Amino acid sequence: MIYALVKSAFETGCLSVASESLIRQILAIRSFQSSEMEAIAKLEAALKRGEVQREACPSTLLESFAVFHKSV
C-alpha cells in the first residue's frame, strides 16, 4: 500500500491529504514491511527538496515521520 501511495505522489508531484492520512494510519498501526520505509524515506527527501508538494501544512508530515523513525 505504501509503495502505491508514494508512487502516486511522485507521478503527480503532489502528496494528497488523503494519501498522507493513509500513510500516517499505516505507520501508526505498524502495518508495513521494513522495505517500505525506504519508499517513505525517498518521499520525505523529495518533499524536503521540493520535488513533491503537499496539500497539507508543510511541516507536519516531516515531523510525524521523524517521530516514527526515532521509535523504530
N, C-alpha and C. Protein backbone atom coordinates (compact mmCIF):
# COMPACT_ATOMS: atom_id res chain seq x y z
N MET A 1 0.82 -1.20 0.00
CA MET A 1 0.00 0.00 0.00
C MET A 1 0.86 1.26 0.00
N ILE A 2 1.91 1.28 0.82
CA ILE A 2 2.78 2.46 0.88
C ILE A 2 3.43 2.72 -0.46
N TYR A 3 3.88 1.65 -1.15
CA TYR A 3 4.51 1.83 -2.46
C TYR A 3 3.56 2.55 -3.42
N ALA A 4 2.29 2.17 -3.43
CA ALA A 4 1.32 2.79 -4.33
C ALA A 4 1.11 4.26 -3.99
N LEU A 5 1.05 4.58 -2.71
CA LEU A 5 0.87 5.97 -2.29
C LEU A 5 2.07 6.82 -2.65
N VAL A 6 3.27 6.29 -2.43
CA VAL A 6 4.49 7.02 -2.76
C VAL A 6 4.62 7.19 -4.27
N LYS A 7 4.33 6.13 -5.00
CA LYS A 7 4.39 6.19 -6.47
C LYS A 7 3.46 7.27 -7.00
N SER A 8 2.25 7.31 -6.48
CA SER A 8 1.29 8.32 -6.91
C SER A 8 1.80 9.73 -6.63
N ALA A 9 2.40 9.93 -5.48
CA ALA A 9 2.94 11.25 -5.13
C ALA A 9 4.03 11.66 -6.11
N PHE A 10 4.90 10.73 -6.48
CA PHE A 10 5.97 11.06 -7.43
C PHE A 10 5.41 11.29 -8.83
N GLU A 11 4.42 10.51 -9.23
CA GLU A 11 3.84 10.67 -10.56
C GLU A 11 3.11 11.99 -10.72
N THR A 12 2.40 12.40 -9.68
CA THR A 12 1.62 13.64 -9.76
C THR A 12 2.40 14.86 -9.29
N GLY A 13 3.48 14.62 -8.54
CA GLY A 13 4.23 15.73 -7.97
C GLY A 13 3.56 16.33 -6.75
N CYS A 14 2.55 15.61 -6.23
CA CYS A 14 1.80 16.13 -5.09
C CYS A 14 1.40 14.98 -4.16
N LEU A 15 1.60 15.18 -2.88
CA LEU A 15 1.14 14.23 -1.87
C LEU A 15 -0.20 14.74 -1.35
N SER A 16 -1.26 14.02 -1.70
CA SER A 16 -2.59 14.46 -1.30
C SER A 16 -2.80 14.29 0.20
N VAL A 17 -3.76 15.02 0.70
CA VAL A 17 -4.12 14.91 2.11
C VAL A 17 -4.58 13.48 2.41
N ALA A 18 -5.34 12.89 1.49
CA ALA A 18 -5.83 11.52 1.68
C ALA A 18 -4.68 10.51 1.73
N SER A 19 -3.72 10.65 0.82
CA SER A 19 -2.58 9.73 0.82
C SER A 19 -1.74 9.89 2.07
N GLU A 20 -1.53 11.12 2.46
CA GLU A 20 -0.77 11.38 3.68
C GLU A 20 -1.45 10.77 4.89
N SER A 21 -2.76 10.89 4.94
CA SER A 21 -3.53 10.32 6.04
C SER A 21 -3.39 8.80 6.07
N LEU A 22 -3.47 8.17 4.92
CA LEU A 22 -3.30 6.71 4.86
C LEU A 22 -1.91 6.29 5.30
N ILE A 23 -0.89 7.04 4.88
CA ILE A 23 0.48 6.72 5.29
C ILE A 23 0.59 6.82 6.82
N ARG A 24 0.03 7.87 7.38
CA ARG A 24 0.06 8.03 8.84
C ARG A 24 -0.62 6.85 9.55
N GLN A 25 -1.78 6.43 9.01
CA GLN A 25 -2.51 5.31 9.61
C GLN A 25 -1.70 4.02 9.53
N ILE A 26 -1.09 3.77 8.38
CA ILE A 26 -0.28 2.56 8.21
C ILE A 26 0.90 2.58 9.18
N LEU A 27 1.54 3.72 9.32
CA LEU A 27 2.66 3.83 10.25
C LEU A 27 2.20 3.64 11.69
N ALA A 28 1.05 4.20 12.01
CA ALA A 28 0.55 4.13 13.38
C ALA A 28 0.26 2.70 13.82
N ILE A 29 -0.26 1.91 12.92
CA ILE A 29 -0.59 0.53 13.29
C ILE A 29 0.54 -0.45 12.92
N ARG A 30 1.61 0.13 12.40
CA ARG A 30 2.80 -0.64 12.02
C ARG A 30 2.45 -1.81 11.10
N SER A 31 1.60 -1.49 10.13
CA SER A 31 1.15 -2.48 9.15
C SER A 31 1.89 -2.28 7.83
N PHE A 32 3.19 -2.46 7.86
CA PHE A 32 4.00 -2.27 6.67
C PHE A 32 5.24 -3.15 6.75
N GLN A 33 5.89 -3.31 5.61
CA GLN A 33 7.13 -4.07 5.56
C GLN A 33 8.29 -3.11 5.78
N SER A 34 9.36 -3.62 6.33
CA SER A 34 10.51 -2.75 6.61
C SER A 34 11.05 -2.13 5.32
N SER A 35 10.94 -2.83 4.21
CA SER A 35 11.43 -2.29 2.94
C SER A 35 10.62 -1.07 2.49
N GLU A 36 9.38 -0.96 2.96
CA GLU A 36 8.56 0.19 2.60
C GLU A 36 9.06 1.47 3.24
N MET A 37 9.84 1.35 4.29
CA MET A 37 10.41 2.55 4.92
C MET A 37 11.36 3.26 3.97
N GLU A 38 12.00 2.52 3.07
CA GLU A 38 12.87 3.16 2.07
C GLU A 38 12.05 4.07 1.17
N ALA A 39 10.86 3.61 0.77
CA ALA A 39 9.99 4.43 -0.07
C ALA A 39 9.57 5.69 0.67
N ILE A 40 9.27 5.56 1.94
CA ILE A 40 8.90 6.72 2.74
C ILE A 40 10.08 7.67 2.88
N ALA A 41 11.27 7.14 3.07
CA ALA A 41 12.45 8.00 3.17
C ALA A 41 12.68 8.77 1.87
N LYS A 42 12.46 8.11 0.72
CA LYS A 42 12.61 8.79 -0.57
C LYS A 42 11.56 9.88 -0.73
N LEU A 43 10.35 9.60 -0.30
CA LEU A 43 9.29 10.60 -0.37
C LEU A 43 9.62 11.78 0.54
N GLU A 44 10.07 11.50 1.73
CA GLU A 44 10.44 12.55 2.67
C GLU A 44 11.53 13.44 2.07
N ALA A 45 12.54 12.82 1.45
CA ALA A 45 13.62 13.58 0.84
C ALA A 45 13.10 14.44 -0.32
N ALA A 46 12.21 13.89 -1.13
CA ALA A 46 11.64 14.64 -2.24
C ALA A 46 10.80 15.82 -1.74
N LEU A 47 10.10 15.62 -0.65
CA LEU A 47 9.34 16.72 -0.05
C LEU A 47 10.28 17.83 0.44
N LYS A 48 11.36 17.45 1.07
CA LYS A 48 12.32 18.45 1.57
C LYS A 48 12.95 19.23 0.43
N ARG A 49 13.21 18.54 -0.71
CA ARG A 49 13.82 19.20 -1.86
C ARG A 49 12.81 19.97 -2.70
N GLY A 50 11.54 19.81 -2.41
CA GLY A 50 10.51 20.50 -3.17
C GLY A 50 10.13 19.80 -4.47
N GLU A 51 10.58 18.58 -4.67
CA GLU A 51 10.25 17.82 -5.87
C GLU A 51 8.81 17.33 -5.84
N VAL A 52 8.31 17.11 -4.65
CA VAL A 52 6.92 16.73 -4.43
C VAL A 52 6.33 17.76 -3.47
N GLN A 53 5.14 18.26 -3.82
CA GLN A 53 4.47 19.25 -2.99
C GLN A 53 3.42 18.56 -2.12
N ARG A 54 3.02 19.24 -1.06
CA ARG A 54 1.98 18.71 -0.17
C ARG A 54 0.75 19.58 -0.22
N GLU A 55 -0.42 18.94 -0.10
CA GLU A 55 -1.65 19.71 0.02
C GLU A 55 -1.79 20.25 1.44
N ALA A 56 -1.27 19.53 2.42
CA ALA A 56 -1.38 19.92 3.83
C ALA A 56 -0.22 20.82 4.25
N CYS A 57 -0.23 21.23 5.49
CA CYS A 57 0.81 22.09 6.07
C CYS A 57 2.19 21.44 5.88
N PRO A 58 3.17 22.16 5.40
CA PRO A 58 4.47 21.59 5.06
C PRO A 58 5.23 20.88 6.19
N SER A 59 5.09 21.28 7.42
CA SER A 59 5.94 20.70 8.47
C SER A 59 5.38 19.45 9.13
N THR A 60 4.09 19.23 9.11
CA THR A 60 3.50 18.17 9.92
C THR A 60 3.91 16.77 9.49
N LEU A 61 3.99 16.50 8.20
CA LEU A 61 4.37 15.16 7.75
C LEU A 61 5.80 14.84 8.15
N LEU A 62 6.69 15.77 7.91
CA LEU A 62 8.09 15.52 8.23
C LEU A 62 8.27 15.29 9.72
N GLU A 63 7.53 16.02 10.52
CA GLU A 63 7.61 15.83 11.97
C GLU A 63 7.11 14.45 12.36
N SER A 64 6.01 14.00 11.75
CA SER A 64 5.48 12.69 12.11
C SER A 64 6.40 11.59 11.66
N PHE A 65 7.03 11.74 10.50
CA PHE A 65 7.99 10.72 10.05
C PHE A 65 9.19 10.67 10.99
N ALA A 66 9.65 11.84 11.41
CA ALA A 66 10.80 11.90 12.30
C ALA A 66 10.49 11.20 13.63
N VAL A 67 9.31 11.43 14.14
CA VAL A 67 8.91 10.75 15.38
C VAL A 67 8.87 9.26 15.17
N PHE A 68 8.35 8.83 14.03
CA PHE A 68 8.26 7.40 13.75
C PHE A 68 9.65 6.79 13.63
N HIS A 69 10.56 7.44 12.90
CA HIS A 69 11.92 6.91 12.72
C HIS A 69 12.62 6.73 14.06
N LYS A 70 12.38 7.62 15.00
CA LYS A 70 13.01 7.52 16.31
C LYS A 70 12.47 6.35 17.11
N SER A 71 11.20 5.96 16.84
CA SER A 71 10.59 4.90 17.61
C SER A 71 10.90 3.50 17.07
N VAL A 72 11.43 3.42 15.86
CA VAL A 72 11.73 2.11 15.25
C VAL A 72 13.06 1.61 15.73
